[in-house]
Amino acid sequence: MAQLIVSDQVLAWFKNHGRHDLPWQQERTLYRVWLAEIMLQQTQVATVIPYYQKFLKHFPDLSSLALASLDDVLTLWAGLGYYTRARNLHKAAVVIQQQHGGCFPENFDDVLALPGIGRSTAGAILAQALGQRHAILDGNVKRVLCRYFAIEGWPGKKAVEKQLWREAEACTPHERLVDYTQAMMDLGATICKRSSPKCSACPLQAGCEAYATQRVAELPTRKTKKVLPVKTTRMLIITDESGAVMLEKRPPTGIWGGLWSLPEIDPDENIENVCMQRWGYSVQVIEDNPGFRHTFSHYHLDITPSRIIVGNSANCVQDADKVIWCASGETQSRALSAPVARIIDQYAQSSPKT
């Protein structure tokens, strides 16, 4: 009974207070909904919208995405973060082109088998695009259910997640799946927020166990925080006398995988030796600049940028697929991580001190 009340009340609330004008709601194709769901993983709607619109302009359908180079995909994704999503998106498009005749699959198991798609994302795609009945359990929905049913324990634990899936399945109605799926995500994003939830405006307040027992701030149970390790690196803004900047292609996997980046060395390495041994360039000027910290989910990275002006190459052979020189302004058309773009904006175009 409680589960039926949830769906009825959430749907009634959604009619007047939910989000009905999001770009991916205007033309609900499987491709458009899939793209949105991948971008929305760990990213807020307001951040996603301009990326989504730009991405659709360049890749209006699945075929255009499958035929694109990964570098083009990463360039459009640059700044959105969590780049594994972009790599998996491109990989999935190729798989669909090769194994499903270029048509996004409509079967749950086939969707779940695609790179970068888990149970909740697969359900959200099929519910949103086709109205199929599938429960979803993204971060917003987990928060709503944890509070409404007073479910204790960190949601990332298998036992807790299993309990949440049971509640999610039970709450999912058999009709209006498109609205209900969006309604639950909207409720968590706009009302049942992590901090400063708007309980007075919540359609589920009357039956919410966390609200009744004054435990809204305690639920969902937070994961025990670990002290993040700190790593250090020196990023080299290597420029020639014309001001062009050297970029290196990062490995296809790992942090910023497949993106163009500034060359990195250990902070204790000798810059002049590295430039000569790795690229065959003699160093004319070295400028150290203030460092800063960039935090990933699992460690801090302390970055020290150093601007290097180099002279002529000593006949060192370079792989054009892995090392390029970009003239001033051209770096904006490359797939760069946010910290690298920040460094280039700050230093690469500044006048060298001689």
Protein backbone atom coordinates (compact mmCIF):
# COMPACT_ATOMS: atom_id res chain seq x y z
CA MET A 1 0.00 0.00 0.00
CA ALA A 2 2.79 2.45 0.92
CA GLN A 3 4.43 1.86 -2.46
CA LEU A 4 1.20 2.64 -4.33
CA ILE A 5 0.84 5.86 -2.35
CA VAL A 6 4.35 6.86 -3.39
CA SER A 7 3.68 6.57 -7.11
CA ASP A 8 0.25 8.26 -6.90
CA GLN A 9 1.52 11.21 -4.89
CA VAL A 10 4.70 11.64 -6.89
CA LEU A 11 2.78 11.62 -10.18
CA ALA A 12 0.27 14.17 -8.86
CA TRP A 13 3.14 16.42 -7.76
CA PHE A 14 4.96 16.02 -11.07
CA LYS A 15 2.00 17.30 -13.09
CA ASN A 16 2.37 20.81 -11.64
CA HIS A 17 5.92 20.92 -10.28
CA GLY A 18 8.06 18.57 -12.35
CA ARG A 19 10.38 19.45 -15.21
CA HIS A 20 8.59 19.14 -18.54
CA ASP A 21 10.76 21.22 -20.88
CA LEU A 22 14.16 19.53 -20.79
CA PRO A 23 15.78 19.17 -24.25
CA TRP A 24 15.65 15.37 -24.26
CA GLN A 25 11.91 15.46 -23.42
CA GLN A 26 11.00 17.28 -26.62
CA GLU A 27 11.74 14.39 -28.95
CA ARG A 28 11.97 11.14 -27.02
CA THR A 29 14.04 8.93 -29.27
CA LEU A 30 16.15 6.18 -27.76
CA TYR A 31 19.30 7.91 -29.00
CA ARG A 32 18.46 11.27 -27.46
CA VAL A 33 17.36 9.78 -24.14
CA TRP A 34 20.43 7.53 -24.00
CA LEU A 35 22.75 10.47 -24.58
CA ALA A 36 21.02 12.47 -21.84
CA GLU A 37 21.11 9.63 -19.32
CA ILE A 38 24.83 9.09 -19.84
CA MET A 39 25.59 12.80 -19.48
CA LEU A 40 23.41 13.03 -16.37
CA GLN A 41 25.41 10.37 -14.55
CA GLN A 42 27.01 12.23 -11.62
CA THR A 43 26.28 15.58 -13.30
CA GLN A 44 23.51 18.12 -12.69
CA VAL A 45 20.92 19.00 -15.31
CA ALA A 46 21.95 22.65 -15.58
CA THR A 47 25.52 21.62 -16.40
CA VAL A 48 24.46 18.98 -18.90
CA ILE A 49 22.05 21.01 -21.05
CA PRO A 50 24.58 23.11 -23.04
CA TYR A 51 26.81 20.06 -23.60
CA TYR A 52 23.82 18.01 -24.69
CA GLN A 53 22.70 20.62 -27.20
CA LYS A 54 26.20 21.06 -28.61
CA PHE A 55 26.68 17.30 -28.83
CA LEU A 56 23.40 16.79 -30.71
CA LYS A 57 24.30 19.51 -33.15
CA HIS A 58 27.47 17.65 -34.12
CA PHE A 59 26.11 14.12 -33.77
CA PRO A 60 22.35 14.28 -34.48
CA ASP A 61 21.94 10.51 -34.66
CA LEU A 62 23.57 7.28 -33.65
CA SER A 63 25.22 6.68 -37.01
CA SER A 64 27.05 10.01 -36.96
CA LEU A 65 28.34 9.25 -33.46
CA ALA A 66 29.50 5.75 -34.41
CA LEU A 67 31.38 7.06 -37.45
CA ALA A 68 33.05 9.90 -35.53
CA SER A 69 36.57 9.67 -34.17
CA LEU A 70 37.00 9.29 -30.42
CA ASP A 71 39.03 12.49 -30.46
CA ASP A 72 36.05 14.42 -31.87
CA VAL A 73 33.79 12.94 -29.20
CA LEU A 74 36.19 13.81 -26.40
CA THR A 75 36.62 17.35 -27.75
CA LEU A 76 32.89 17.98 -27.40
CA TRP A 77 32.86 16.31 -23.98
CA ALA A 78 35.81 18.33 -22.65
CA GLY A 79 34.91 20.05 -19.39
CA LEU A 80 32.00 17.74 -18.55
CA GLY A 81 34.28 15.37 -16.65
CA TYR A 82 34.15 11.63 -15.99
CA TYR A 83 35.58 10.96 -19.44
CA THR A 84 35.04 7.21 -19.23
CA ARG A 85 31.42 8.06 -20.02
CA ALA A 86 32.41 9.61 -23.34
CA ARG A 87 34.65 6.70 -24.28
CA ASN A 88 31.92 4.20 -23.43
CA LEU A 89 29.32 6.26 -25.30
CA HIS A 90 31.40 6.12 -28.46
CA LYS A 91 32.20 2.44 -27.93
CA ALA A 92 28.50 1.64 -27.44
CA ALA A 93 27.57 3.51 -30.62
CA VAL A 94 30.04 1.38 -32.58
CA VAL A 95 28.64 -1.79 -30.98
CA ILE A 96 25.08 -0.79 -31.88
CA GLN A 97 26.15 -0.02 -35.44
CA GLN A 98 27.85 -3.38 -35.81
CA GLN A 99 25.59 -5.69 -33.79
CA HIS A 100 22.15 -4.06 -33.96
CA GLY A 101 22.12 -2.64 -37.47
CA GLY A 102 22.50 0.92 -36.22
CA CYS A 103 19.23 0.78 -34.24
CA PHE A 104 19.35 1.31 -30.49
CA PRO A 105 18.10 -1.94 -28.90
CA GLU A 106 14.70 -2.05 -27.21
CA ASN A 107 15.33 -5.15 -25.10
CA PHE A 108 16.50 -4.54 -21.52
CA ASP A 109 19.25 -7.18 -21.55
CA ASP A 110 20.62 -5.87 -24.84
CA VAL A 111 20.72 -2.33 -23.48
CA LEU A 112 22.32 -3.49 -20.23
CA ALA A 113 25.07 -5.23 -22.23
CA LEU A 114 26.20 -1.96 -23.85
CA PRO A 115 29.38 -0.28 -22.54
CA GLY A 116 28.76 2.27 -19.79
CA ILE A 117 25.19 1.22 -19.01
CA GLY A 118 24.11 -0.26 -15.68
CA ARG A 119 20.77 -1.49 -14.43
CA SER A 120 19.36 1.91 -13.48
CA THR A 121 20.51 3.66 -16.66
CA ALA A 122 19.12 0.86 -18.85
CA GLY A 123 15.78 1.11 -17.07
CA ALA A 124 15.70 4.89 -17.32
CA ILE A 125 16.40 4.84 -21.07
CA LEU A 126 13.66 2.33 -21.87
CA ALA A 127 11.14 3.88 -19.48
CA GLN A 128 11.76 7.42 -20.73
CA ALA A 129 11.93 6.62 -24.44
CA LEU A 130 9.44 3.75 -24.77
CA GLY A 131 7.36 3.77 -21.59
CA GLN A 132 8.55 0.30 -20.61
CA ARG A 133 8.13 -0.62 -16.95
CA HIS A 134 11.57 -0.64 -15.35
CA ALA A 135 12.57 0.63 -11.92
CA ILE A 136 15.41 3.15 -11.64
CA LEU A 137 17.79 3.76 -8.77
CA ASP A 138 20.06 6.71 -9.42
CA GLY A 139 21.43 8.87 -6.61
CA ASN A 140 18.32 11.04 -6.41
CA VAL A 141 15.96 8.08 -6.17
CA LYS A 142 18.13 6.37 -3.57
CA ARG A 143 17.90 9.47 -1.39
CA VAL A 144 14.11 9.67 -1.67
CA LEU A 145 13.64 5.99 -0.85
CA CYS A 146 16.17 5.96 1.99
CA ARG A 147 14.32 8.78 3.69
CA TYR A 148 10.77 7.69 2.95
CA PHE A 149 11.32 4.12 4.20
CA ALA A 150 14.03 5.06 6.77
CA ILE A 151 16.51 2.66 5.21
CA GLU A 152 19.77 2.71 7.14
CA GLY A 153 23.27 1.98 5.91
CA TRP A 154 25.35 3.40 3.11
CA PRO A 155 23.43 2.88 -0.18
CA GLY A 156 26.59 1.64 -1.87
CA LYS A 157 26.59 -1.53 0.26
CA LYS A 158 25.18 -4.55 -1.54
CA ALA A 159 22.63 -5.41 1.14
CA VAL A 160 21.33 -1.84 1.33
CA GLU A 161 21.22 -1.48 -2.45
CA LYS A 162 19.31 -4.77 -2.71
CA GLN A 163 16.70 -3.44 -0.27
CA LEU A 164 16.46 -0.19 -2.23
CA TRP A 165 15.89 -2.09 -5.47
CA ARG A 166 13.04 -4.00 -3.85
CA GLU A 167 11.37 -0.75 -2.81
CA ALA A 168 12.05 0.86 -6.19
CA GLU A 169 10.46 -2.08 -8.00
CA ALA A 170 7.44 -2.04 -5.69
CA CYS A 171 6.92 1.72 -6.10
CA THR A 172 7.13 1.69 -9.89
CA PRO A 173 3.60 1.89 -11.34
CA HIS A 174 2.33 0.00 -14.38
CA GLU A 175 1.22 3.14 -16.19
CA ARG A 176 2.68 6.58 -16.90
CA LEU A 177 6.22 5.25 -16.71
CA VAL A 178 7.64 8.20 -18.63
CA ASP A 179 6.24 10.67 -16.10
CA TYR A 180 6.99 8.56 -13.03
CA THR A 181 10.65 8.01 -13.94
CA GLN A 182 11.20 11.72 -14.49
CA ALA A 183 9.15 12.58 -11.41
CA MET A 184 11.32 10.52 -9.06
CA MET A 185 14.50 12.04 -10.45
CA ASP A 186 13.00 15.55 -10.20
CA LEU A 187 11.80 14.98 -6.65
CA GLY A 188 15.28 14.01 -5.51
CA ALA A 189 16.98 16.78 -7.45
CA THR A 190 14.71 19.69 -6.51
CA ILE A 191 12.91 18.77 -3.25
CA CYS A 192 14.53 15.85 -1.42
CA LYS A 193 17.99 17.33 -1.83
CA ARG A 194 21.07 16.13 -0.01
CA SER A 195 21.32 19.32 2.02
CA SER A 196 18.53 21.77 2.84
CA PRO A 197 15.71 19.53 1.61
CA LYS A 198 12.36 21.26 1.06
CA CYS A 199 10.28 18.93 3.21
CA SER A 200 7.38 21.39 3.42
CA ALA A 201 6.93 21.15 -0.35
CA CYS A 202 7.38 17.38 -0.58
CA PRO A 203 4.39 15.31 -1.72
CA LEU A 204 5.65 12.38 0.36
CA GLN A 205 6.03 14.24 3.65
CA ALA A 206 3.00 12.68 5.36
CA GLY A 207 4.33 9.13 4.96
CA CYS A 208 8.06 9.85 5.21
CA GLU A 209 9.56 7.93 8.12
CA ALA A 210 12.70 10.04 8.21
CA TYR A 211 10.61 13.21 8.49
CA ALA A 212 8.40 11.71 11.19
CA THR A 213 11.39 10.71 13.30
CA GLN A 214 13.44 13.87 12.54
CA ARG A 215 16.15 11.88 10.77
CA VAL A 216 16.09 13.57 7.38
CA ALA A 217 19.60 14.98 7.88
CA GLU A 218 20.92 11.54 8.86
CA LEU A 219 19.62 9.65 5.84
CA PRO A 220 20.88 8.35 3.52
CA THR A 221 23.74 7.14 5.69
CA ARG A 222 26.93 8.72 4.48
CA LYS A 223 29.91 6.68 3.44
CA THR A 224 32.75 6.78 5.93
CA LYS A 225 35.16 9.35 4.60
CA LYS A 226 38.68 8.25 3.87
CA VAL A 227 41.64 10.56 3.84
CA LEU A 228 42.46 10.99 0.17
CA PRO A 229 46.08 10.42 -0.81
CA VAL A 230 47.97 13.25 -2.46
CA LYS A 231 49.91 12.86 -5.71
CA THR A 232 52.13 15.48 -7.29
CA THR A 233 53.01 16.30 -10.87
CA ARG A 234 54.64 19.03 -12.91
CA MET A 235 52.85 20.06 -16.09
CA LEU A 236 55.04 21.60 -18.75
CA ILE A 237 53.66 24.39 -20.89
CA ILE A 238 56.23 23.88 -23.61
CA THR A 239 56.13 26.68 -26.17
CA ASP A 240 58.30 27.54 -29.11
CA GLU A 241 59.39 31.05 -30.03
CA SER A 242 56.14 31.61 -31.95
CA GLY A 243 54.04 30.81 -28.88
CA ALA A 244 52.72 27.44 -30.12
CA VAL A 245 52.04 24.94 -27.32
CA MET A 246 53.04 21.27 -27.27
CA LEU A 247 50.29 18.78 -26.39
CA GLU A 248 50.61 15.05 -25.74
CA LYS A 249 47.87 12.43 -26.20
CA ARG A 250 47.19 10.61 -22.94
CA PRO A 251 46.81 6.80 -22.85
CA PRO A 252 43.32 5.57 -23.84
CA THR A 253 42.45 4.47 -20.29
CA GLY A 254 42.94 5.99 -16.86
CA ILE A 255 42.60 9.59 -15.74
CA TRP A 256 41.73 11.87 -18.68
CA GLY A 257 42.14 8.85 -20.97
CA GLY A 258 42.38 9.74 -24.64
CA LEU A 259 42.49 13.50 -24.03
CA TRP A 260 45.20 15.88 -25.16
CA SER A 261 47.25 17.17 -22.26
CA LEU A 262 50.34 19.05 -21.26
CA PRO A 263 53.40 16.83 -20.83
CA GLU A 264 53.87 15.70 -17.23
CA ILE A 265 57.04 14.91 -15.32
CA ASP A 266 57.93 14.17 -11.73
CA PRO A 267 58.43 17.47 -9.84
CA ASP A 268 61.99 16.42 -8.99
CA GLU A 269 63.03 15.63 -12.57
CA ASN A 270 65.42 17.94 -14.40
CA ILE A 271 63.37 19.84 -16.98
CA GLU A 272 66.27 20.50 -19.35
CA ASN A 273 67.28 16.83 -19.42
CA VAL A 274 63.69 15.68 -19.99
CA CYS A 275 63.14 18.10 -22.87
CA MET A 276 66.34 17.01 -24.60
CA GLN A 277 65.99 13.26 -23.99
CA ARG A 278 62.26 12.93 -24.68
CA TRP A 279 61.77 15.43 -27.51
CA GLY A 280 65.22 16.65 -28.54
CA TYR A 281 64.60 20.29 -27.60
CA SER A 282 67.04 22.64 -25.91
CA VAL A 283 65.52 24.81 -23.19
CA GLN A 284 65.85 28.57 -23.46
CA VAL A 285 63.57 29.80 -20.65
CA ILE A 286 61.97 28.13 -17.60
CA GLU A 287 59.23 29.84 -15.59
CA ASP A 288 57.70 28.17 -12.55
CA ASN A 289 54.15 29.25 -11.79
CA PRO A 290 51.99 28.89 -8.66
CA GLY A 291 50.69 25.38 -8.16
CA PHE A 292 47.14 24.32 -7.41
CA ARG A 293 45.21 21.23 -6.32
CA HIS A 294 42.74 19.28 -8.45
CA THR A 295 40.68 16.69 -6.60
CA PHE A 296 39.44 13.45 -8.10
CA SER A 297 37.06 11.07 -6.34
CA HIS A 298 39.94 8.96 -5.05
CA TYR A 299 42.93 11.30 -4.68
CA HIS A 300 44.20 14.88 -4.72
CA LEU A 301 46.55 15.93 -7.49
CA ASP A 302 48.88 18.83 -6.72
CA ILE A 303 49.89 20.39 -10.04
CA THR A 304 52.86 22.68 -10.55
CA PRO A 305 52.77 24.37 -13.98
CA SER A 306 56.10 25.32 -15.51
CA ARG A 307 56.36 27.31 -18.70
CA ILE A 308 59.20 26.24 -20.96
CA ILE A 309 60.40 28.01 -24.09
CA VAL A 310 62.40 25.70 -26.32
CA GLY A 311 64.66 26.19 -29.30
CA ASN A 312 65.15 24.06 -32.39
CA SER A 313 64.72 20.30 -32.23
CA ALA A 314 67.82 18.13 -32.43
CA ASN A 315 66.31 15.82 -35.06
CA CYS A 316 64.17 13.92 -32.55
CA VAL A 317 61.49 11.83 -34.27
CA GLN A 318 58.03 12.44 -32.79
CA ASP A 319 54.83 10.46 -33.24
CA ALA A 320 52.36 12.89 -34.82
CA ASP A 321 49.46 10.92 -33.33
CA LYS A 322 50.78 11.47 -29.81
CA VAL A 323 52.51 14.88 -29.94
CA ILE A 324 51.18 18.00 -31.63
CA TRP A 325 51.93 21.71 -31.62
CA CYS A 326 48.96 24.08 -31.35
CA ALA A 327 49.17 27.72 -32.32
CA SER A 328 47.63 30.32 -30.04
CA GLY A 329 43.87 29.81 -29.92
CA GLU A 330 43.91 26.36 -31.54
CA THR A 331 43.97 24.53 -28.21
CA GLN A 332 40.28 25.33 -27.75
CA SER A 333 39.45 22.90 -30.53
CA ARG A 334 41.20 20.03 -28.73
CA ALA A 335 39.86 17.66 -26.09
CA LEU A 336 41.43 19.00 -22.90
CA SER A 337 40.65 18.34 -19.26
CA ALA A 338 39.47 21.33 -17.24
CA PRO A 339 42.76 21.77 -15.29
CA VAL A 340 44.84 21.64 -18.46
CA ALA A 341 42.57 24.14 -20.22
CA ARG A 342 42.85 26.38 -17.16
CA ILE A 343 46.66 26.28 -17.23
CA ILE A 344 46.81 27.01 -20.94
CA ASP A 345 44.37 29.90 -20.61
CA GLN A 346 46.42 31.39 -17.79
CA TYR A 347 49.93 30.92 -19.03
CA ALA A 348 50.39 29.75 -22.62
CA GLN A 349 49.31 33.02 -24.19
CA SER A 350 51.06 35.27 -21.68
CA SER A 351 54.17 37.16 -22.70
CA PRO A 352 57.35 35.24 -21.80
CA LYS A 353 59.73 36.80 -19.36
CA THR A 354 63.19 37.05 -20.80
